[in-house]
C-alpha cells in the first residue's frame, strides 16, 4: 500500500487512518479514511454500495470493534443473503432494521408513513440515535438516504435531518458512511458539502460484453488521493478495485543490458538484441509470423531462467502451444516449471484497469522480466472507450520501462497484401518497431523482416528474408534488390541465390 500520497501533515498530530475494508480503495486514498468522520458512498442501484459498505463493517469486526448497519431499504434477511454469497458471516454486525414488518403490512399505519407530519422522520432518526447510544459502535453504515428523502418530503426537512445525524455523530467517536442511490432528480450537492468525503460508484452498460464498473473519489478533506476513475469488479469476497496506474510511482533500478531472442541474425539486426526497460512493436499482416517471433523471445528468456508473462487476446492457448511445437519451441515444460505464464484474456469481459492490474501482478508478484501482449488489436477491442487507449497504453509502457521489463507488443495490420492500414498508431510509443512482410519471388510467397526504428543503440537498416521452420526462425542474409517493401507489395528483383533454400532441397 502506498503512503506516498499522504499530505505532508505533522505525522505525530495526525490520527492513524482506518481501513475501508478494501485494499484497492485504501490504496487510492493513500492509506484509508480519517476516523470519526461522516462519509458518503453514492451510486445507482446495483453499483456495489452495500457490498463495499459491508466490507467496511467487517473490517471493523476483524479489528474487534462494535459496528452497526442501519437499514431503511433492505431487510436483515436480504443483507444476510448478500453476505452469504460473498462467503461472509454477519456475526458481530449489529443490523438495525428501521423497516418494521407491522408498518409494511397494516394499511392504517401505511397512511401515517405518507402523512406529511414531521413525526415519522424525527422518530426514525431518534430510533437510530437511541440504538447508537445503546450499543456505542465505532463504525456505522446508514442505508440509505433515499428512503429518508422520501420520508422528509421537503428538501429543507431532509437537510435538517441529515445535519441532525451529522451533529449527533460528531460528538461520538464513530465513523459513519451514508449510502445514497442518487434517486433524487439532481445530484445532492448539499450532502457533498456536509460529508467529509464522497466516493461515487458507477455501473456502465457497454455495447457488447459484461458491464463495466468504475469508482471515483470526488472529495476527501485533507487527504491527497488518486483522482480519476478506477475500474472495479464485484467478485465473491467483495469489490476488487484496480487503482489507476501512475507510472512515476514505480521506478526501480535495473541494468539496461540487451536480451537475445535466441537468433543471432535477428539480434544483429537489432544491434545486439532488445535492451531491458524498452519495448518492441511487431507489425505485419495476419499469419506473417509475429506471434511466432514473440514466442521465440519468450522461449529464449525461459532458457536464461527469466520469468515471462504472455497475455493472449486473439487465440486460445492451445493453438499457441501447437504453433510453438511446430517451430521446435516446446513451451509446455517452461509453463510447468513456472517460468512462462500464459494468460488468456477475454476482451469482452475485461476492463482496462483489471488488465493493467494483471500485468502489474505478473511483474511485482511473479517477477516477470518479459511481457508479451498478443495482440494490441485484441487489447483495443477490450476498451469501450478507444480515445483513452493510447494514454493507458502509454502509462502501462512507462511503468514496464521503469521496472526494467522488456515489452513485446504485436499489432496485426488490416489486409494481407497491398497497402496496409494500421488500426491504431502506437509506433511513436514504441522503442523498436520490427516490420514483417510477405513478398513474392518466382511465384512463391516468402517473408521479409526489417527493423524500421530503434531508439536505443544502432540497428541494421537492411531487409532480410526469414522463414518459420521446424527448428525455429531462420533469418537470411541482408537483401538489397527489393522494390516496394514499405508500400506493402514488395517484389524481390535480385539474385535467387541470396534467398533461403527451400526446406525440401535440404537433406534433412
Foldseek 3Di string as FASTA:
>chain_A
DALVQADPDPVVPADAADALLAPQVCVQLSGHARFLFEEEEEAAPPLAPLQSNVSNVVSCVVVVFQEEEEAADDDPVVSQVVQVQLVHHCVRYHYHYPPDPCCVPDVVSVVVQQDQDPPVLVVSLVVVLVVCVVRVTQEYEYHALVSSCNSNVDPVSSLVSVVVVRVSSNVGRHYYYHYYNPPDPDPDVSVVVRGQWYKYKYWADFPFFDIWIWIATPDHPNTRGNGDIWTWDADRNGIHTQPQFAQVVAFDDDDFDAAALPAVVVCQQVVRHHTFLFEEEEEAAPPLQQLLSVLSSLLSCVVVVAAEEEEAQPDDPVVSQVLCQQLVRRCVVSVVVVRYHYHYDHLRHDELSVVLVVVVCCCPVVVHQEYEYHEVVRVCSSYSDNVCSLVSVLSSSSNSSSSRHYYYHYFHWPDQFFATHGPDDNPVSHQWYKYKAWEDDPHDIFIKIHTPHHNPHDGDRFIWTWDRGSNGIGTFDGADQWPDVNRGHIYRPDDCVRHDDDPVVDPD
